[in-house]
């Protein structure tokens, strides 16, 4: 019984220390964010606040959210993530190239297996732009600009 109390006390101190120690990043990285960077802040209560980074001090974080300017106390902040650059144009161009190449290959296979309505290159002429359009649509639908953690507490 005498040994149980000190062990329980030591475990509670260790777990409290582990919860307040950052798992990823440091508060210094948050302070180095550029103004107006799109960020997402998760508070210890589970609430999430999205907005533009304004400033950070040793004690707080200031964010311009849709509901207005918010100042969040550092002990309440459980996670800070920033949004990466949007690559939608790049994805559309890749989709265009891959779709056109796939359409061209499908059209060539269709032309080789049968003379498509008595026209030599009708399969290629039809499937290449259709494949390009499908590729553009897929490229546009690929999610871009994800959030990456720079500060996180367990």
N, C-alpha and C. Protein backbone atom coordinates (compact mmCIF):
# COMPACT_ATOMS: atom_id res chain seq x y z
N UNK A 1 0.83 -1.19 0.00
CA UNK A 1 0.00 0.00 0.00
C UNK A 1 0.87 1.26 0.00
N UNK A 2 1.97 1.23 0.79
CA UNK A 2 2.86 2.38 0.85
C UNK A 2 3.55 2.60 -0.49
N UNK A 3 3.77 1.55 -1.26
CA UNK A 3 4.43 1.65 -2.55
C UNK A 3 3.45 2.07 -3.65
N UNK A 4 2.17 1.76 -3.48
CA UNK A 4 1.16 2.05 -4.49
C UNK A 4 0.95 3.55 -4.67
N UNK A 5 0.90 4.31 -3.59
CA UNK A 5 0.66 5.75 -3.69
C UNK A 5 1.79 6.47 -4.44
N UNK A 6 3.07 6.26 -4.11
CA UNK A 6 4.13 6.95 -4.88
C UNK A 6 4.16 6.55 -6.36
N UNK A 7 3.85 5.29 -6.65
CA UNK A 7 3.82 4.86 -8.06
C UNK A 7 2.69 5.56 -8.81
N UNK A 8 1.52 5.66 -8.20
CA UNK A 8 0.39 6.34 -8.83
C UNK A 8 0.69 7.83 -9.02
N UNK A 9 1.33 8.43 -8.04
CA UNK A 9 1.69 9.84 -8.14
C UNK A 9 2.71 10.05 -9.27
N UNK A 10 3.71 9.19 -9.37
CA UNK A 10 4.71 9.30 -10.42
C UNK A 10 4.07 9.13 -11.81
N UNK A 11 3.16 8.19 -11.96
CA UNK A 11 2.48 7.98 -13.24
C UNK A 11 1.64 9.19 -13.62
N UNK A 12 0.97 9.80 -12.65
CA UNK A 12 0.14 10.97 -12.98
C UNK A 12 1.01 12.16 -13.38
N UNK A 13 2.16 12.33 -12.76
CA UNK A 13 3.06 13.42 -13.12
C UNK A 13 3.63 13.18 -14.51
N UNK A 14 4.02 11.94 -14.82
CA UNK A 14 4.55 11.61 -16.13
C UNK A 14 3.51 11.83 -17.22
N UNK A 15 2.27 11.40 -16.97
CA UNK A 15 1.23 11.57 -17.98
C UNK A 15 0.88 13.03 -18.18
N UNK A 16 0.88 13.83 -17.11
CA UNK A 16 0.62 15.27 -17.25
C UNK A 16 1.73 15.94 -18.04
N UNK A 17 2.98 15.55 -17.80
CA UNK A 17 4.10 16.10 -18.55
C UNK A 17 4.02 15.70 -20.02
N UNK A 18 3.64 14.46 -20.29
CA UNK A 18 3.55 13.97 -21.67
C UNK A 18 2.47 14.71 -22.44
N UNK A 19 1.38 15.09 -21.78
CA UNK A 19 0.30 15.78 -22.46
C UNK A 19 0.65 17.23 -22.76
N UNK A 20 1.54 17.84 -22.01
CA UNK A 20 1.87 19.23 -22.26
C UNK A 20 3.11 19.39 -23.13
N UNK A 21 3.79 18.30 -23.43
CA UNK A 21 4.97 18.36 -24.29
C UNK A 21 4.54 18.19 -25.74
N UNK A 22 4.99 19.05 -26.63
CA UNK A 22 4.59 18.92 -28.03
C UNK A 22 5.03 17.58 -28.62
N UNK A 23 4.12 16.95 -29.35
CA UNK A 23 4.43 15.71 -30.05
C UNK A 23 5.11 16.04 -31.36
N UNK A 24 4.72 17.12 -31.96
CA UNK A 24 5.30 17.52 -33.25
C UNK A 24 5.52 19.02 -33.24
N UNK A 25 6.68 19.43 -33.72
CA UNK A 25 6.97 20.84 -33.89
C UNK A 25 7.17 21.56 -32.57
N UNK A 26 7.37 22.84 -32.68
CA UNK A 26 7.53 23.68 -31.50
C UNK A 26 6.72 24.96 -31.70
N UNK A 27 6.49 25.64 -30.62
CA UNK A 27 5.74 26.89 -30.70
C UNK A 27 6.50 27.92 -31.51
N UNK A 28 7.84 27.79 -31.55
CA UNK A 28 8.65 28.70 -32.35
C UNK A 28 8.30 28.62 -33.83
N UNK A 29 7.95 27.41 -34.32
CA UNK A 29 7.55 27.27 -35.71
C UNK A 29 6.23 27.99 -35.98
N UNK A 30 5.34 27.99 -35.01
CA UNK A 30 4.08 28.72 -35.15
C UNK A 30 4.36 30.21 -35.23
N UNK A 31 5.27 30.69 -34.40
CA UNK A 31 5.61 32.12 -34.39
C UNK A 31 6.25 32.57 -35.69
N UNK A 32 6.86 31.64 -36.44
CA UNK A 32 7.55 31.99 -37.69
C UNK A 32 6.63 31.98 -38.91
N UNK A 33 5.36 31.61 -38.73
CA UNK A 33 4.45 31.61 -39.87
C UNK A 33 4.31 33.02 -40.44
N UNK A 34 4.15 33.08 -41.75
CA UNK A 34 3.95 34.38 -42.40
C UNK A 34 2.52 34.86 -42.14
N UNK A 35 2.36 36.15 -42.01
CA UNK A 35 1.04 36.73 -41.79
C UNK A 35 0.13 36.37 -42.96
N UNK A 36 -1.13 36.16 -42.68
CA UNK A 36 -2.19 35.81 -43.63
C UNK A 36 -2.07 34.39 -44.20
N UNK A 37 -1.25 33.54 -43.58
CA UNK A 37 -1.20 32.13 -43.97
C UNK A 37 -2.48 31.46 -43.50
N UNK A 38 -3.09 30.65 -44.35
CA UNK A 38 -4.32 29.94 -43.98
C UNK A 38 -3.96 28.84 -42.99
N UNK A 39 -4.56 28.88 -41.78
CA UNK A 39 -4.27 27.88 -40.76
C UNK A 39 -5.55 27.30 -40.17
N UNK A 40 -5.39 26.16 -39.53
CA UNK A 40 -6.46 25.52 -38.78
C UNK A 40 -5.92 25.25 -37.38
N UNK A 41 -6.64 25.71 -36.38
CA UNK A 41 -6.24 25.53 -34.98
C UNK A 41 -7.27 24.65 -34.30
N UNK A 42 -6.78 23.58 -33.67
CA UNK A 42 -7.66 22.72 -32.90
C UNK A 42 -7.39 22.99 -31.43
N UNK A 43 -8.46 23.30 -30.70
CA UNK A 43 -8.33 23.62 -29.29
C UNK A 43 -8.46 22.36 -28.45
N UNK A 44 -8.01 22.42 -27.21
CA UNK A 44 -8.02 21.24 -26.34
C UNK A 44 -9.43 20.71 -26.10
N UNK A 45 -10.44 21.53 -26.23
CA UNK A 45 -11.82 21.08 -26.06
C UNK A 45 -12.40 20.41 -27.29
N UNK A 46 -11.64 20.39 -28.39
CA UNK A 46 -12.10 19.75 -29.62
C UNK A 46 -12.60 20.71 -30.68
N UNK A 47 -12.80 21.96 -30.32
CA UNK A 47 -13.28 22.96 -31.28
C UNK A 47 -12.16 23.30 -32.27
N UNK A 48 -12.53 23.48 -33.54
CA UNK A 48 -11.57 23.85 -34.58
C UNK A 48 -11.88 25.25 -35.08
N UNK A 49 -10.82 26.02 -35.31
CA UNK A 49 -10.96 27.38 -35.80
C UNK A 49 -10.10 27.50 -37.06
N UNK A 50 -10.73 27.84 -38.18
CA UNK A 50 -10.03 28.08 -39.45
C UNK A 50 -9.95 29.57 -39.69
N UNK A 51 -8.83 30.00 -40.23
CA UNK A 51 -8.69 31.41 -40.55
C UNK A 51 -7.29 31.74 -41.00
N UNK A 52 -6.99 33.03 -41.01
CA UNK A 52 -5.68 33.50 -41.44
C UNK A 52 -4.85 33.87 -40.22
N UNK A 53 -3.63 33.35 -40.20
CA UNK A 53 -2.69 33.63 -39.12
C UNK A 53 -2.38 35.13 -39.09
N UNK A 54 -2.44 35.71 -37.90
CA UNK A 54 -2.10 37.12 -37.74
C UNK A 54 -0.77 37.27 -37.01
N UNK A 55 -0.68 36.69 -35.80
CA UNK A 55 0.56 36.78 -35.03
C UNK A 55 0.53 35.75 -33.91
N UNK A 56 1.70 35.51 -33.33
CA UNK A 56 1.79 34.61 -32.18
C UNK A 56 2.84 35.16 -31.22
N UNK A 57 2.54 35.06 -29.95
CA UNK A 57 3.50 35.42 -28.90
C UNK A 57 3.78 34.16 -28.10
N UNK A 58 4.57 34.27 -27.05
CA UNK A 58 4.85 33.11 -26.20
C UNK A 58 3.59 32.60 -25.52
N UNK A 59 2.58 33.47 -25.36
CA UNK A 59 1.40 33.11 -24.60
C UNK A 59 0.13 32.91 -25.41
N UNK A 60 0.09 33.40 -26.66
CA UNK A 60 -1.17 33.36 -27.40
C UNK A 60 -0.95 33.31 -28.90
N UNK A 61 -2.04 33.04 -29.59
CA UNK A 61 -2.07 32.97 -31.05
C UNK A 61 -3.24 33.82 -31.52
N UNK A 62 -3.00 34.68 -32.49
CA UNK A 62 -4.04 35.56 -33.00
C UNK A 62 -4.39 35.12 -34.42
N UNK A 63 -5.69 34.93 -34.67
CA UNK A 63 -6.16 34.42 -35.96
C UNK A 63 -7.38 35.22 -36.41
N UNK A 64 -7.42 35.52 -37.71
CA UNK A 64 -8.59 36.20 -38.29
C UNK A 64 -9.51 35.11 -38.83
N UNK A 65 -10.51 34.76 -38.05
CA UNK A 65 -11.46 33.71 -38.43
C UNK A 65 -12.66 34.34 -39.12
N UNK A 66 -13.53 33.50 -39.66
CA UNK A 66 -14.73 34.01 -40.33
C UNK A 66 -15.64 34.75 -39.35
N UNK A 67 -15.59 34.37 -38.07
CA UNK A 67 -16.41 35.02 -37.06
C UNK A 67 -15.78 36.29 -36.52
N UNK A 68 -14.55 36.59 -36.95
CA UNK A 68 -13.86 37.79 -36.49
C UNK A 68 -12.49 37.45 -35.92
N UNK A 69 -11.83 38.46 -35.39
CA UNK A 69 -10.50 38.29 -34.81
C UNK A 69 -10.60 37.48 -33.52
N UNK A 70 -9.76 36.43 -33.39
CA UNK A 70 -9.74 35.62 -32.17
C UNK A 70 -8.34 35.54 -31.64
N UNK A 71 -8.21 35.66 -30.32
CA UNK A 71 -6.94 35.48 -29.64
C UNK A 71 -7.07 34.22 -28.80
N UNK A 72 -6.23 33.22 -29.10
CA UNK A 72 -6.31 31.93 -28.43
C UNK A 72 -5.13 31.75 -27.50
N UNK A 73 -5.40 31.41 -26.24
CA UNK A 73 -4.34 31.21 -25.26
C UNK A 73 -3.55 29.95 -25.62
N UNK A 74 -2.26 30.01 -25.49
CA UNK A 74 -1.40 28.88 -25.87
C UNK A 74 -1.76 27.58 -25.15
N UNK A 75 -2.08 27.59 -23.85
CA UNK A 75 -2.42 26.32 -23.19
C UNK A 75 -3.68 25.65 -23.77
N UNK A 76 -4.53 26.43 -24.43
CA UNK A 76 -5.75 25.88 -25.02
C UNK A 76 -5.51 25.27 -26.40
N UNK A 77 -4.37 25.60 -27.04
CA UNK A 77 -4.09 25.16 -28.41
C UNK A 77 -3.51 23.75 -28.37
N UNK A 78 -4.21 22.82 -29.03
CA UNK A 78 -3.74 21.43 -29.10
C UNK A 78 -3.03 21.14 -30.41
N UNK A 79 -3.41 21.82 -31.49
CA UNK A 79 -2.82 21.56 -32.80
C UNK A 79 -2.92 22.80 -33.67
N UNK A 80 -1.85 23.05 -34.44
CA UNK A 80 -1.84 24.13 -35.43
C UNK A 80 -1.39 23.52 -36.75
N UNK A 81 -2.18 23.72 -37.79
CA UNK A 81 -1.86 23.20 -39.12
C UNK A 81 -1.94 24.34 -40.12
N UNK A 82 -1.09 24.29 -41.16
CA UNK A 82 -1.17 25.30 -42.21
C UNK A 82 -1.52 24.63 -43.52
N UNK A 83 -2.17 25.38 -44.40
CA UNK A 83 -2.62 24.86 -45.68
C UNK A 83 -1.53 25.02 -46.72
N UNK A 84 -1.27 23.93 -47.44
CA UNK A 84 -0.23 23.98 -48.47
C UNK A 84 -0.79 24.57 -49.75
N UNK A 85 0.11 24.82 -50.69
CA UNK A 85 -0.26 25.43 -51.96
C UNK A 85 -1.21 24.53 -52.74
N UNK A 86 -2.12 25.15 -53.45
CA UNK A 86 -3.09 24.45 -54.28
C UNK A 86 -2.44 24.04 -55.60
N UNK A 87 -2.54 22.77 -55.98
CA UNK A 87 -1.93 22.27 -57.22
C UNK A 87 -2.98 21.85 -58.25
N UNK A 88 -4.12 22.49 -58.24
CA UNK A 88 -5.20 22.08 -59.13
C UNK A 88 -4.84 22.25 -60.61
N UNK A 89 -4.18 23.33 -60.99
CA UNK A 89 -3.80 23.54 -62.40
C UNK A 89 -2.84 22.45 -62.86
N UNK A 90 -1.87 22.12 -62.02
CA UNK A 90 -0.93 21.06 -62.36
C UNK A 90 -1.66 19.74 -62.55
N UNK A 91 -2.59 19.43 -61.65
CA UNK A 91 -3.34 18.18 -61.74
C UNK A 91 -4.20 18.13 -63.00
N UNK A 92 -4.77 19.26 -63.39
CA UNK A 92 -5.58 19.32 -64.61
C UNK A 92 -4.71 19.07 -65.84
N UNK A 93 -3.52 19.67 -65.88
CA UNK A 93 -2.63 19.46 -67.02
C UNK A 93 -2.14 18.01 -67.10
N UNK A 94 -1.83 17.42 -65.96
CA UNK A 94 -1.43 16.00 -65.95
C UNK A 94 -2.60 15.14 -66.42
N UNK A 95 -3.79 15.42 -65.92
CA UNK A 95 -4.98 14.68 -66.35
C UNK A 95 -5.24 14.82 -67.84
N UNK A 96 -5.03 16.01 -68.38
CA UNK A 96 -5.19 16.25 -69.81
C UNK A 96 -4.25 15.36 -70.61
N UNK A 97 -2.97 15.33 -70.24
CA UNK A 97 -1.99 14.53 -70.96
C UNK A 97 -2.25 13.04 -70.85
N UNK A 98 -2.51 12.57 -69.64
CA UNK A 98 -2.75 11.14 -69.44
C UNK A 98 -4.05 10.72 -70.11
N UNK A 99 -5.08 11.52 -70.00
CA UNK A 99 -6.36 11.19 -70.63
C UNK A 99 -6.27 11.18 -72.14
N UNK A 100 -5.57 12.16 -72.71
CA UNK A 100 -5.41 12.19 -74.17
C UNK A 100 -4.60 10.99 -74.65
N UNK A 101 -3.55 10.63 -73.92
CA UNK A 101 -2.75 9.45 -74.30
C UNK A 101 -3.56 8.17 -74.19
N UNK A 102 -4.35 8.05 -73.15
CA UNK A 102 -5.22 6.88 -73.00
C UNK A 102 -6.28 6.82 -74.09
N UNK A 103 -6.85 7.97 -74.41
CA UNK A 103 -7.84 8.02 -75.49
C UNK A 103 -7.24 7.68 -76.84
N UNK A 104 -6.03 8.17 -77.06
CA UNK A 104 -5.34 7.87 -78.32
C UNK A 104 -5.04 6.38 -78.43
N UNK A 105 -4.59 5.78 -77.34
CA UNK A 105 -4.31 4.33 -77.35
C UNK A 105 -5.60 3.53 -77.56
N UNK A 106 -6.67 3.94 -76.90
CA UNK A 106 -7.95 3.25 -77.07
C UNK A 106 -8.46 3.42 -78.50
N UNK A 107 -8.33 4.62 -79.04
CA UNK A 107 -8.75 4.86 -80.42
C UNK A 107 -7.92 4.07 -81.42
N UNK A 108 -6.61 3.96 -81.18
CA UNK A 108 -5.75 3.18 -82.07
C UNK A 108 -6.13 1.70 -82.03
N UNK A 109 -6.45 1.21 -80.83
CA UNK A 109 -6.86 -0.19 -80.71
C UNK A 109 -8.21 -0.41 -81.41
N UNK A 110 -9.10 0.54 -81.27
CA UNK A 110 -10.40 0.42 -81.94
C UNK A 110 -10.24 0.48 -83.45
N UNK A 111 -9.36 1.34 -83.94
CA UNK A 111 -9.12 1.45 -85.38
C UNK A 111 -8.46 0.19 -85.94
N UNK A 112 -7.59 -0.42 -85.16
CA UNK A 112 -6.86 -1.61 -85.64
C UNK A 112 -7.77 -2.84 -85.67
N UNK A 113 -8.67 -2.93 -84.70
CA UNK A 113 -9.51 -4.13 -84.62
C UNK A 113 -10.65 -4.10 -85.65
N UNK A 114 -11.13 -2.96 -85.98
CA UNK A 114 -12.18 -2.85 -87.00
C UNK A 114 -12.10 -1.47 -87.62
N UNK A 115 -12.45 -1.39 -88.82
CA UNK A 115 -12.49 -0.08 -89.46
C UNK A 115 -13.77 0.59 -89.00
N UNK A 116 -13.60 1.52 -88.11
CA UNK A 116 -14.69 2.17 -87.41
C UNK A 116 -15.53 2.97 -88.40
N UNK A 117 -16.66 2.42 -88.79
CA UNK A 117 -17.59 3.06 -89.72
C UNK A 117 -16.91 3.50 -91.02
N UNK A 118 -15.98 2.67 -91.49
CA UNK A 118 -15.30 2.88 -92.77
C UNK A 118 -14.36 4.08 -92.79
N UNK A 119 -14.01 4.60 -91.65
CA UNK A 119 -13.05 5.69 -91.58
C UNK A 119 -11.79 5.17 -90.90
N UNK A 120 -10.65 5.51 -91.46
CA UNK A 120 -9.39 4.96 -90.96
C UNK A 120 -9.04 5.43 -89.55
N UNK A 121 -9.20 6.68 -89.23
CA UNK A 121 -8.75 7.23 -87.95
C UNK A 121 -9.88 7.78 -87.09
N UNK A 122 -11.10 7.31 -87.31
CA UNK A 122 -12.23 7.83 -86.55
C UNK A 122 -12.11 7.50 -85.06
N UNK A 123 -11.63 6.30 -84.74
CA UNK A 123 -11.46 5.93 -83.32
C UNK A 123 -10.52 6.88 -82.60
N UNK A 124 -9.40 7.20 -83.22
CA UNK A 124 -8.44 8.12 -82.62
C UNK A 124 -9.02 9.53 -82.54
N UNK A 125 -9.74 9.92 -83.55
CA UNK A 125 -10.32 11.27 -83.58
C UNK A 125 -11.41 11.44 -82.53
N UNK A 126 -12.09 10.35 -82.18
CA UNK A 126 -13.17 10.42 -81.18
C UNK A 126 -12.64 10.20 -79.78
N UNK A 127 -11.85 9.15 -79.58
CA UNK A 127 -11.43 8.76 -78.23
C UNK A 127 -10.37 9.69 -77.64
N UNK A 128 -9.54 10.32 -78.46
CA UNK A 128 -8.50 11.20 -77.91
C UNK A 128 -9.09 12.41 -77.18
N UNK A 129 -10.01 13.17 -77.78
CA UNK A 129 -10.57 14.30 -77.03
C UNK A 129 -11.47 13.86 -75.87
N UNK A 130 -12.16 12.73 -76.04
CA UNK A 130 -12.99 12.23 -74.93
C UNK A 130 -12.10 11.85 -73.75
N UNK A 131 -10.99 11.16 -74.03
CA UNK A 131 -10.04 10.81 -72.97
C UNK A 131 -9.45 12.03 -72.31
N UNK A 132 -9.15 13.06 -73.13
CA UNK A 132 -8.61 14.31 -72.58
C UNK A 132 -9.61 14.98 -71.65
N UNK A 133 -10.88 15.00 -72.04
CA UNK A 133 -11.92 15.61 -71.18
C UNK A 133 -12.09 14.84 -69.87
N UNK A 134 -12.07 13.52 -69.96
CA UNK A 134 -12.17 12.71 -68.74
C UNK A 134 -10.96 12.97 -67.84
N UNK A 135 -9.76 13.05 -68.44
CA UNK A 135 -8.56 13.34 -67.66
C UNK A 135 -8.60 14.70 -66.99
N UNK A 136 -9.11 15.70 -67.69
CA UNK A 136 -9.24 17.04 -67.10
C UNK A 136 -10.21 17.00 -65.92
N UNK A 137 -11.32 16.29 -66.08
CA UNK A 137 -12.31 16.19 -64.99
C UNK A 137 -11.71 15.49 -63.77
N UNK A 138 -11.01 14.40 -64.00
CA UNK A 138 -10.39 13.68 -62.88
C UNK A 138 -9.33 14.55 -62.22
N UNK A 139 -8.51 15.23 -63.02
CA UNK A 139 -7.48 16.12 -62.46
C UNK A 139 -8.06 17.24 -61.63
N UNK A 140 -9.20 17.76 -62.06
CA UNK A 140 -9.84 18.85 -61.31
C UNK A 140 -10.45 18.36 -60.01
N UNK A 141 -10.83 17.09 -59.95
CA UNK A 141 -11.47 16.56 -58.76
C UNK A 141 -10.50 16.05 -57.70
N UNK A 142 -9.22 15.92 -58.05
CA UNK A 142 -8.23 15.44 -57.08
C UNK A 142 -8.06 16.51 -56.01
N UNK A 143 -8.20 16.14 -54.73
CA UNK A 143 -8.07 17.14 -53.67
C UNK A 143 -6.67 17.73 -53.61
N UNK A 144 -6.59 19.03 -53.39
CA UNK A 144 -5.31 19.72 -53.30
C UNK A 144 -5.32 20.65 -52.11
N UNK A 145 -4.15 21.17 -51.74
CA UNK A 145 -4.06 22.15 -50.66
C UNK A 145 -4.45 21.57 -49.32
N UNK A 146 -3.77 20.54 -48.87
CA UNK A 146 -4.08 19.90 -47.59
C UNK A 146 -3.42 20.65 -46.45
N UNK A 147 -3.91 20.35 -45.25
CA UNK A 147 -3.33 20.94 -44.04
C UNK A 147 -2.22 20.04 -43.50
N UNK A 148 -1.11 20.65 -43.07
CA UNK A 148 0.01 19.93 -42.49
C UNK A 148 0.28 20.48 -41.09
N UNK A 149 0.43 19.59 -40.13
CA UNK A 149 0.68 19.99 -38.74
C UNK A 149 2.07 20.60 -38.60
N UNK A 150 2.12 21.70 -37.86
CA UNK A 150 3.42 22.25 -37.49
C UNK A 150 3.59 22.27 -35.98
N UNK A 151 2.48 22.13 -35.26
CA UNK A 151 2.53 22.08 -33.80
C UNK A 151 1.39 21.20 -33.34
N UNK A 152 1.72 20.23 -32.48
CA UNK A 152 0.67 19.33 -32.00
C UNK A 152 1.04 18.81 -30.63
N UNK A 153 0.06 18.78 -29.75
CA UNK A 153 0.19 18.19 -28.43
C UNK A 153 -0.71 16.97 -28.40
N UNK A 154 -0.27 15.92 -27.78
CA UNK A 154 -1.02 14.66 -27.72
C UNK A 154 -2.45 14.90 -27.33
